[in-house]
Amino acid sequence: MNSRSLLQLACCVGLCLLAGYISAQATYPEIANWYAGLAKPGWTPPNWVFPVVWNALYLLMGVSLWLLWRSANSPARLAIGLFFIQLALNAAWSPVFFGLHQIRWGVAIIVALALTIAATIAVAWDANRIAAWLLVPYLIWVIYAASLNSAIALLNT
């Protein structure tokens, strides 16, 4: 791998980590207060799991974006466009759910996020299968997170 390629990889991973960091700024102050007081389903993991999983997922997402960027074909361009839509939805969820305390809007955003990730994977499959596969754990986690968000919405209405 040459230095240009390494720089591109670092930029892609850094972009995904930055989106997560910016989004998380709405989360941290609310975990100990508002979120702690919500009724949650029994399958809710401990709070320390979330940053560990998300950082791993942002790393995989960054590598996926880098592979799509290097593919430079028509499906890759469409997959990159979808990737940025899902990244924006990802970044919007925490401020809406945690910052604004809008649990139901959080459900709407996370469902749209899951659908956009699935579309990104489907389009990326024709551009770069490794890039597509790298997004599968992300989709699985977001579906799990959507089930948590939905259960929290039902338990707290």
N, C-alpha and C. Protein backbone atom coordinates (compact mmCIF):
# COMPACT_ATOMS: atom_id res chain seq x y z
N MET A 1 0.85 -1.16 0.00
CA MET A 1 0.00 0.00 0.00
C MET A 1 0.90 1.23 0.00
N ASN A 2 0.65 2.15 -0.93
CA ASN A 2 1.46 3.37 -1.00
C ASN A 2 0.95 4.42 -0.02
N SER A 3 1.70 5.49 0.13
CA SER A 3 1.36 6.51 1.12
C SER A 3 0.05 7.22 0.79
N ARG A 4 -0.25 7.40 -0.49
CA ARG A 4 -1.51 8.04 -0.89
C ARG A 4 -2.69 7.17 -0.49
N SER A 5 -2.58 5.89 -0.74
CA SER A 5 -3.65 4.95 -0.39
C SER A 5 -3.84 4.89 1.13
N LEU A 6 -2.74 4.92 1.84
CA LEU A 6 -2.81 4.91 3.30
C LEU A 6 -3.47 6.18 3.83
N LEU A 7 -3.18 7.30 3.21
CA LEU A 7 -3.80 8.57 3.59
C LEU A 7 -5.31 8.53 3.31
N GLN A 8 -5.69 7.97 2.16
CA GLN A 8 -7.11 7.84 1.84
C GLN A 8 -7.82 6.96 2.86
N LEU A 9 -7.19 5.86 3.23
CA LEU A 9 -7.77 4.97 4.24
C LEU A 9 -7.95 5.71 5.56
N ALA A 10 -6.91 6.43 5.97
CA ALA A 10 -6.98 7.19 7.23
C ALA A 10 -8.10 8.23 7.17
N CYS A 11 -8.27 8.88 6.03
CA CYS A 11 -9.33 9.87 5.88
C CYS A 11 -10.72 9.23 5.99
N CYS A 12 -10.89 8.08 5.35
CA CYS A 12 -12.18 7.39 5.38
C CYS A 12 -12.52 6.92 6.80
N VAL A 13 -11.55 6.31 7.46
CA VAL A 13 -11.78 5.85 8.84
C VAL A 13 -11.99 7.07 9.75
N GLY A 14 -11.18 8.08 9.57
CA GLY A 14 -11.30 9.29 10.38
C GLY A 14 -12.65 9.97 10.21
N LEU A 15 -13.16 10.01 8.99
CA LEU A 15 -14.47 10.60 8.73
C LEU A 15 -15.56 9.85 9.50
N CYS A 16 -15.52 8.54 9.46
CA CYS A 16 -16.54 7.74 10.15
C CYS A 16 -16.41 7.91 11.67
N LEU A 17 -15.20 7.90 12.18
CA LEU A 17 -15.00 8.11 13.62
C LEU A 17 -15.43 9.52 14.03
N LEU A 18 -15.17 10.50 13.18
CA LEU A 18 -15.58 11.87 13.48
C LEU A 18 -17.10 12.00 13.53
N ALA A 19 -17.78 11.36 12.59
CA ALA A 19 -19.25 11.39 12.61
C ALA A 19 -19.77 10.77 13.90
N GLY A 20 -19.17 9.69 14.32
CA GLY A 20 -19.56 9.06 15.58
C GLY A 20 -19.26 9.94 16.77
N TYR A 21 -18.12 10.60 16.75
CA TYR A 21 -17.73 11.46 17.87
C TYR A 21 -18.69 12.65 17.99
N ILE A 22 -18.98 13.28 16.87
CA ILE A 22 -19.89 14.43 16.89
C ILE A 22 -21.26 14.01 17.37
N SER A 23 -21.74 12.88 16.87
CA SER A 23 -23.04 12.36 17.28
C SER A 23 -23.06 12.02 18.77
N ALA A 24 -21.97 11.47 19.25
CA ALA A 24 -21.91 11.04 20.65
C ALA A 24 -21.93 12.21 21.63
N GLN A 25 -21.60 13.39 21.17
CA GLN A 25 -21.59 14.54 22.07
C GLN A 25 -22.97 14.80 22.65
N ALA A 26 -24.03 14.41 21.93
CA ALA A 26 -25.40 14.55 22.45
C ALA A 26 -25.75 13.41 23.40
N THR A 27 -24.95 12.37 23.40
CA THR A 27 -25.26 11.16 24.15
C THR A 27 -24.75 11.20 25.58
N TYR A 28 -23.48 11.47 25.74
CA TYR A 28 -22.83 11.29 27.04
C TYR A 28 -23.50 12.01 28.21
N PRO A 29 -23.88 13.27 28.05
CA PRO A 29 -24.49 13.93 29.21
C PRO A 29 -25.85 13.31 29.61
N GLU A 30 -26.51 12.67 28.67
CA GLU A 30 -27.85 12.17 28.92
C GLU A 30 -27.90 10.72 29.43
N ILE A 31 -26.80 9.99 29.32
CA ILE A 31 -26.81 8.58 29.73
C ILE A 31 -27.06 8.44 31.22
N ALA A 32 -26.36 9.21 32.03
CA ALA A 32 -26.50 9.08 33.48
C ALA A 32 -27.81 9.68 34.00
N ASN A 33 -28.42 10.55 33.24
CA ASN A 33 -29.62 11.22 33.72
C ASN A 33 -30.87 10.67 33.03
N TRP A 34 -31.19 11.22 31.89
CA TRP A 34 -32.43 10.90 31.19
C TRP A 34 -32.52 9.42 30.80
N TYR A 35 -31.49 8.90 30.13
CA TYR A 35 -31.52 7.52 29.64
C TYR A 35 -31.58 6.54 30.80
N ALA A 36 -30.86 6.81 31.88
CA ALA A 36 -30.86 5.91 33.04
C ALA A 36 -32.25 5.76 33.64
N GLY A 37 -33.07 6.79 33.50
CA GLY A 37 -34.41 6.75 34.07
C GLY A 37 -35.46 6.10 33.19
N LEU A 38 -35.10 5.75 31.97
CA LEU A 38 -36.06 5.12 31.07
C LEU A 38 -36.24 3.64 31.39
N ALA A 39 -37.45 3.13 31.16
CA ALA A 39 -37.67 1.68 31.21
C ALA A 39 -37.05 1.09 29.95
N LYS A 40 -36.28 0.01 30.13
CA LYS A 40 -35.58 -0.62 29.00
C LYS A 40 -35.85 -2.12 29.01
N PRO A 41 -35.80 -2.74 27.83
CA PRO A 41 -36.03 -4.19 27.77
C PRO A 41 -34.88 -4.96 28.41
N GLY A 42 -35.14 -6.20 28.74
CA GLY A 42 -34.14 -7.06 29.39
C GLY A 42 -32.92 -7.34 28.53
N TRP A 43 -33.03 -7.16 27.25
CA TRP A 43 -31.89 -7.45 26.36
C TRP A 43 -31.00 -6.21 26.13
N THR A 44 -31.18 -5.17 26.92
CA THR A 44 -30.33 -3.98 26.80
C THR A 44 -28.95 -4.30 27.36
N PRO A 45 -27.89 -4.08 26.58
CA PRO A 45 -26.55 -4.36 27.10
C PRO A 45 -26.11 -3.28 28.08
N PRO A 46 -25.06 -3.55 28.85
CA PRO A 46 -24.53 -2.51 29.74
C PRO A 46 -24.01 -1.33 28.90
N ASN A 47 -24.01 -0.17 29.49
CA ASN A 47 -23.64 1.05 28.76
C ASN A 47 -22.24 0.99 28.16
N TRP A 48 -21.29 0.29 28.78
CA TRP A 48 -19.92 0.26 28.26
C TRP A 48 -19.82 -0.46 26.92
N VAL A 49 -20.80 -1.29 26.58
CA VAL A 49 -20.77 -2.05 25.32
C VAL A 49 -20.89 -1.11 24.11
N PHE A 50 -21.72 -0.08 24.24
CA PHE A 50 -22.01 0.77 23.09
C PHE A 50 -20.78 1.44 22.48
N PRO A 51 -19.93 2.11 23.24
CA PRO A 51 -18.77 2.73 22.59
C PRO A 51 -17.78 1.71 22.02
N VAL A 52 -17.67 0.56 22.64
CA VAL A 52 -16.76 -0.48 22.12
C VAL A 52 -17.26 -0.95 20.76
N VAL A 53 -18.53 -1.29 20.70
CA VAL A 53 -19.11 -1.78 19.44
C VAL A 53 -19.07 -0.70 18.38
N TRP A 54 -19.50 0.51 18.74
CA TRP A 54 -19.56 1.57 17.74
C TRP A 54 -18.18 1.90 17.18
N ASN A 55 -17.16 1.95 18.01
CA ASN A 55 -15.83 2.24 17.48
C ASN A 55 -15.36 1.16 16.50
N ALA A 56 -15.64 -0.09 16.81
CA ALA A 56 -15.29 -1.17 15.88
C ALA A 56 -16.07 -1.03 14.58
N LEU A 57 -17.35 -0.70 14.68
CA LEU A 57 -18.18 -0.54 13.48
C LEU A 57 -17.73 0.64 12.64
N TYR A 58 -17.37 1.76 13.29
CA TYR A 58 -16.88 2.91 12.52
C TYR A 58 -15.58 2.58 11.79
N LEU A 59 -14.75 1.76 12.38
CA LEU A 59 -13.54 1.31 11.71
C LEU A 59 -13.88 0.49 10.47
N LEU A 60 -14.79 -0.48 10.62
CA LEU A 60 -15.22 -1.29 9.47
C LEU A 60 -15.87 -0.43 8.40
N MET A 61 -16.68 0.52 8.82
CA MET A 61 -17.34 1.42 7.86
C MET A 61 -16.29 2.22 7.07
N GLY A 62 -15.28 2.71 7.77
CA GLY A 62 -14.23 3.48 7.10
C GLY A 62 -13.47 2.66 6.07
N VAL A 63 -13.17 1.43 6.42
CA VAL A 63 -12.47 0.55 5.46
C VAL A 63 -13.38 0.26 4.27
N SER A 64 -14.65 0.04 4.54
CA SER A 64 -15.61 -0.19 3.45
C SER A 64 -15.66 1.01 2.51
N LEU A 65 -15.77 2.20 3.08
CA LEU A 65 -15.80 3.42 2.25
C LEU A 65 -14.53 3.53 1.42
N TRP A 66 -13.40 3.25 2.03
CA TRP A 66 -12.12 3.31 1.31
C TRP A 66 -12.10 2.33 0.13
N LEU A 67 -12.57 1.11 0.37
CA LEU A 67 -12.60 0.12 -0.72
C LEU A 67 -13.52 0.56 -1.85
N LEU A 68 -14.65 1.15 -1.49
CA LEU A 68 -15.57 1.65 -2.52
C LEU A 68 -14.93 2.80 -3.29
N TRP A 69 -14.26 3.68 -2.58
CA TRP A 69 -13.58 4.82 -3.21
C TRP A 69 -12.54 4.32 -4.21
N ARG A 70 -11.81 3.28 -3.86
CA ARG A 70 -10.78 2.73 -4.74
C ARG A 70 -11.38 1.97 -5.92
N SER A 71 -12.62 1.52 -5.79
CA SER A 71 -13.25 0.75 -6.88
C SER A 71 -13.53 1.62 -8.09
N ALA A 72 -13.97 2.86 -7.87
CA ALA A 72 -14.15 3.85 -8.94
C ALA A 72 -14.97 3.34 -10.12
N ASN A 73 -16.05 2.60 -9.86
CA ASN A 73 -16.95 2.21 -10.93
C ASN A 73 -18.33 2.77 -10.62
N SER A 74 -19.26 2.59 -11.54
CA SER A 74 -20.59 3.18 -11.36
C SER A 74 -21.31 2.66 -10.12
N PRO A 75 -21.33 1.35 -9.87
CA PRO A 75 -21.97 0.90 -8.62
C PRO A 75 -21.28 1.46 -7.38
N ALA A 76 -19.97 1.63 -7.44
CA ALA A 76 -19.24 2.17 -6.29
C ALA A 76 -19.66 3.60 -6.02
N ARG A 77 -19.84 4.39 -7.06
CA ARG A 77 -20.26 5.78 -6.87
C ARG A 77 -21.63 5.85 -6.22
N LEU A 78 -22.55 5.01 -6.68
CA LEU A 78 -23.89 4.97 -6.07
C LEU A 78 -23.80 4.49 -4.62
N ALA A 79 -22.99 3.48 -4.38
CA ALA A 79 -22.82 2.97 -3.02
C ALA A 79 -22.23 4.04 -2.11
N ILE A 80 -21.30 4.82 -2.61
CA ILE A 80 -20.71 5.91 -1.81
C ILE A 80 -21.78 6.96 -1.49
N GLY A 81 -22.62 7.27 -2.46
CA GLY A 81 -23.72 8.21 -2.20
C GLY A 81 -24.64 7.70 -1.11
N LEU A 82 -25.01 6.42 -1.19
CA LEU A 82 -25.85 5.82 -0.15
C LEU A 82 -25.11 5.77 1.18
N PHE A 83 -23.81 5.51 1.12
CA PHE A 83 -23.01 5.48 2.34
C PHE A 83 -23.10 6.80 3.08
N PHE A 84 -23.00 7.91 2.35
CA PHE A 84 -23.05 9.21 3.01
C PHE A 84 -24.45 9.53 3.54
N ILE A 85 -25.48 9.03 2.89
CA ILE A 85 -26.84 9.20 3.41
C ILE A 85 -26.97 8.44 4.73
N GLN A 86 -26.50 7.20 4.75
CA GLN A 86 -26.60 6.43 6.00
C GLN A 86 -25.74 7.04 7.09
N LEU A 87 -24.58 7.59 6.73
CA LEU A 87 -23.72 8.22 7.73
C LEU A 87 -24.42 9.44 8.34
N ALA A 88 -25.13 10.21 7.51
CA ALA A 88 -25.89 11.36 8.02
C ALA A 88 -27.02 10.90 8.94
N LEU A 89 -27.72 9.84 8.57
CA LEU A 89 -28.77 9.30 9.43
C LEU A 89 -28.17 8.79 10.74
N ASN A 90 -27.04 8.13 10.64
CA ASN A 90 -26.34 7.64 11.83
C ASN A 90 -26.01 8.81 12.76
N ALA A 91 -25.47 9.88 12.20
CA ALA A 91 -25.09 11.04 13.00
C ALA A 91 -26.31 11.76 13.57
N ALA A 92 -27.46 11.66 12.92
CA ALA A 92 -28.67 12.34 13.38
C ALA A 92 -29.35 11.61 14.53
N TRP A 93 -29.18 10.30 14.63
CA TRP A 93 -29.95 9.53 15.60
C TRP A 93 -29.67 9.95 17.05
N SER A 94 -28.43 10.00 17.46
CA SER A 94 -28.11 10.33 18.87
C SER A 94 -28.62 11.70 19.29
N PRO A 95 -28.42 12.76 18.50
CA PRO A 95 -28.96 14.05 18.92
C PRO A 95 -30.49 14.05 19.04
N VAL A 96 -31.16 13.30 18.18
CA VAL A 96 -32.62 13.24 18.25
C VAL A 96 -33.06 12.41 19.45
N PHE A 97 -32.51 11.21 19.59
CA PHE A 97 -32.91 10.32 20.68
C PHE A 97 -32.46 10.86 22.03
N PHE A 98 -31.17 11.11 22.18
CA PHE A 98 -30.62 11.52 23.47
C PHE A 98 -30.77 13.03 23.71
N GLY A 99 -30.38 13.83 22.71
CA GLY A 99 -30.38 15.27 22.90
C GLY A 99 -31.78 15.87 23.01
N LEU A 100 -32.67 15.46 22.11
CA LEU A 100 -34.03 16.01 22.09
C LEU A 100 -35.04 15.14 22.85
N HIS A 101 -34.60 13.95 23.27
CA HIS A 101 -35.47 12.99 23.99
C HIS A 101 -36.68 12.59 23.14
N GLN A 102 -36.46 12.50 21.84
CA GLN A 102 -37.52 12.13 20.91
C GLN A 102 -37.38 10.65 20.53
N ILE A 103 -37.90 9.80 21.40
CA ILE A 103 -37.74 8.35 21.24
C ILE A 103 -38.41 7.87 19.95
N ARG A 104 -39.61 8.32 19.68
CA ARG A 104 -40.33 7.86 18.47
C ARG A 104 -39.66 8.35 17.19
N TRP A 105 -39.18 9.58 17.18
CA TRP A 105 -38.43 10.04 16.02
C TRP A 105 -37.14 9.25 15.87
N GLY A 106 -36.58 8.83 16.99
CA GLY A 106 -35.40 7.96 16.94
C GLY A 106 -35.71 6.66 16.22
N VAL A 107 -36.91 6.11 16.49
CA VAL A 107 -37.32 4.88 15.79
C VAL A 107 -37.38 5.13 14.29
N ALA A 108 -37.98 6.24 13.89
CA ALA A 108 -38.09 6.54 12.45
C ALA A 108 -36.72 6.67 11.81
N ILE A 109 -35.81 7.36 12.50
CA ILE A 109 -34.47 7.55 11.94
C ILE A 109 -33.72 6.23 11.86
N ILE A 110 -33.81 5.42 12.89
CA ILE A 110 -33.02 4.18 12.90
C ILE A 110 -33.57 3.15 11.90
N VAL A 111 -34.87 3.17 11.65
CA VAL A 111 -35.43 2.30 10.62
C VAL A 111 -34.95 2.77 9.24
N ALA A 112 -34.98 4.07 9.02
CA ALA A 112 -34.46 4.61 7.75
C ALA A 112 -32.98 4.29 7.61
N LEU A 113 -32.24 4.36 8.72
CA LEU A 113 -30.82 4.02 8.71
C LEU A 113 -30.61 2.57 8.31
N ALA A 114 -31.35 1.65 8.91
CA ALA A 114 -31.20 0.23 8.58
C ALA A 114 -31.51 -0.02 7.11
N LEU A 115 -32.56 0.60 6.61
CA LEU A 115 -32.91 0.42 5.19
C LEU A 115 -31.83 0.98 4.27
N THR A 116 -31.26 2.11 4.66
CA THR A 116 -30.21 2.71 3.83
C THR A 116 -28.92 1.89 3.88
N ILE A 117 -28.60 1.33 5.04
CA ILE A 117 -27.43 0.45 5.12
C ILE A 117 -27.65 -0.78 4.23
N ALA A 118 -28.84 -1.36 4.30
CA ALA A 118 -29.14 -2.54 3.45
C ALA A 118 -29.01 -2.18 1.98
N ALA A 119 -29.50 -1.01 1.60
CA ALA A 119 -29.37 -0.58 0.20
C ALA A 119 -27.91 -0.36 -0.17
N THR A 120 -27.14 0.19 0.74
CA THR A 120 -25.71 0.41 0.50
C THR A 120 -25.01 -0.92 0.28
N ILE A 121 -25.32 -1.90 1.12
CA ILE A 121 -24.72 -3.23 0.97
C ILE A 121 -25.10 -3.84 -0.38
N ALA A 122 -26.37 -3.74 -0.75
CA ALA A 122 -26.84 -4.33 -2.02
C ALA A 122 -26.13 -3.71 -3.21
N VAL A 123 -25.98 -2.40 -3.21
CA VAL A 123 -25.30 -1.73 -4.33
C VAL A 123 -23.80 -1.98 -4.28
N ALA A 124 -23.23 -1.97 -3.09
CA ALA A 124 -21.79 -2.20 -2.95
C ALA A 124 -21.40 -3.61 -3.39
N TRP A 125 -22.32 -4.54 -3.29
CA TRP A 125 -22.05 -5.93 -3.67
C TRP A 125 -21.52 -6.01 -5.11
N ASP A 126 -22.06 -5.18 -5.98
CA ASP A 126 -21.61 -5.18 -7.38
C ASP A 126 -20.32 -4.39 -7.60
N ALA A 127 -19.96 -3.57 -6.62
CA ALA A 127 -18.75 -2.76 -6.76
C ALA A 127 -17.55 -3.42 -6.10
N ASN A 128 -17.76 -3.90 -4.87
CA ASN A 128 -16.67 -4.50 -4.11
C ASN A 128 -17.29 -5.34 -3.00
N ARG A 129 -17.23 -6.64 -3.14
CA ARG A 129 -17.89 -7.53 -2.18
C ARG A 129 -17.31 -7.45 -0.78
N ILE A 130 -16.04 -7.21 -0.66
CA ILE A 130 -15.46 -7.06 0.67
C ILE A 130 -16.03 -5.82 1.35
N ALA A 131 -16.15 -4.72 0.59
CA ALA A 131 -16.75 -3.50 1.14
C ALA A 131 -18.17 -3.76 1.60
N ALA A 132 -18.91 -4.54 0.83
CA ALA A 132 -20.29 -4.88 1.21
C ALA A 132 -20.31 -5.71 2.49
N TRP A 133 -19.47 -6.73 2.54
CA TRP A 133 -19.44 -7.60 3.72
C TRP A 133 -19.02 -6.85 4.99
N LEU A 134 -18.16 -5.87 4.84
CA LEU A 134 -17.72 -5.10 6.01
C LEU A 134 -18.86 -4.31 6.65
N LEU A 135 -19.92 -4.07 5.89
CA LEU A 135 -21.07 -3.33 6.42
C LEU A 135 -22.12 -4.24 7.06
N VAL A 136 -21.99 -5.54 6.90
CA VAL A 136 -22.98 -6.48 7.45
C VAL A 136 -23.04 -6.42 8.98
N PRO A 137 -21.91 -6.43 9.70
CA PRO A 137 -22.02 -6.32 11.17
C PRO A 137 -22.71 -5.02 11.59
N TYR A 138 -22.47 -3.97 10.88
CA TYR A 138 -23.11 -2.68 11.13
C TYR A 138 -24.62 -2.80 10.99
N LEU A 139 -25.06 -3.42 9.91
CA LEU A 139 -26.50 -3.60 9.70
C LEU A 139 -27.11 -4.45 10.82
N ILE A 140 -26.43 -5.51 11.20
CA ILE A 140 -26.93 -6.37 12.28
C ILE A 140 -27.06 -5.57 13.58
N TRP A 141 -26.04 -4.79 13.91
CA TRP A 141 -26.08 -3.98 15.13
C TRP A 141 -27.19 -2.94 15.08
N VAL A 142 -27.36 -2.31 13.92
CA VAL A 142 -28.40 -1.27 13.80
C VAL A 142 -29.79 -1.90 13.91
N ILE A 143 -29.98 -3.09 13.39
CA ILE A 143 -31.27 -3.77 13.56
C ILE A 143 -31.49 -4.08 15.04
N TYR A 144 -30.46 -4.53 15.72
CA TYR A 144 -30.55 -4.77 17.16
C TYR A 144 -30.87 -3.46 17.89
N ALA A 145 -30.15 -2.39 17.54
CA ALA A 145 -30.39 -1.08 18.16
C ALA A 145 -31.80 -0.59 17.87
N ALA A 146 -32.31 -0.88 16.67
CA ALA A 146 -33.68 -0.49 16.34
C ALA A 146 -34.68 -1.24 17.22
N SER A 147 -34.37 -2.50 17.52
CA SER A 147 -35.27 -3.25 18.42
C SER A 147 -35.24 -2.65 19.82
N LEU A 148 -34.08 -2.22 20.28
CA LEU A 148 -33.98 -1.55 21.58
C LEU A 148 -34.75 -0.23 21.57
N ASN A 149 -34.53 0.57 20.54
CA ASN A 149 -35.20 1.87 20.44
C ASN A 149 -36.70 1.68 20.41
N SER A 150 -37.17 0.69 19.65
CA SER A 150 -38.61 0.43 19.55
C SER A 150 -39.18 -0.03 20.89
N ALA A 151 -38.46 -0.92 21.57
CA ALA A 151 -38.93 -1.40 22.87
C ALA A 151 -38.96 -0.26 23.89
N ILE A 152 -37.95 0.60 23.86
CA ILE A 152 -37.93 1.75 24.77
C ILE A 152 -39.10 2.68 24.47
N ALA A 153 -39.41 2.85 23.19
CA ALA A 153 -40.56 3.69 22.83
C ALA A 153 -41.85 3.10 23.39
N LEU A 154 -42.00 1.79 23.27
CA LEU A 154 -43.22 1.14 23.77
C LEU A 154 -43.29 1.16 25.30
N LEU A 155 -42.15 0.99 25.96
CA LEU A 155 -42.13 0.92 27.42
C LEU A 155 -42.26 2.29 28.10
N ASN A 156 -42.04 3.33 27.34
CA ASN A 156 -42.03 4.66 27.94
C ASN A 156 -43.10 5.60 27.36
N THR A 157 -44.21 5.03 26.95
CA THR A 157 -45.29 5.89 26.44
C THR A 157 -46.45 5.92 27.40
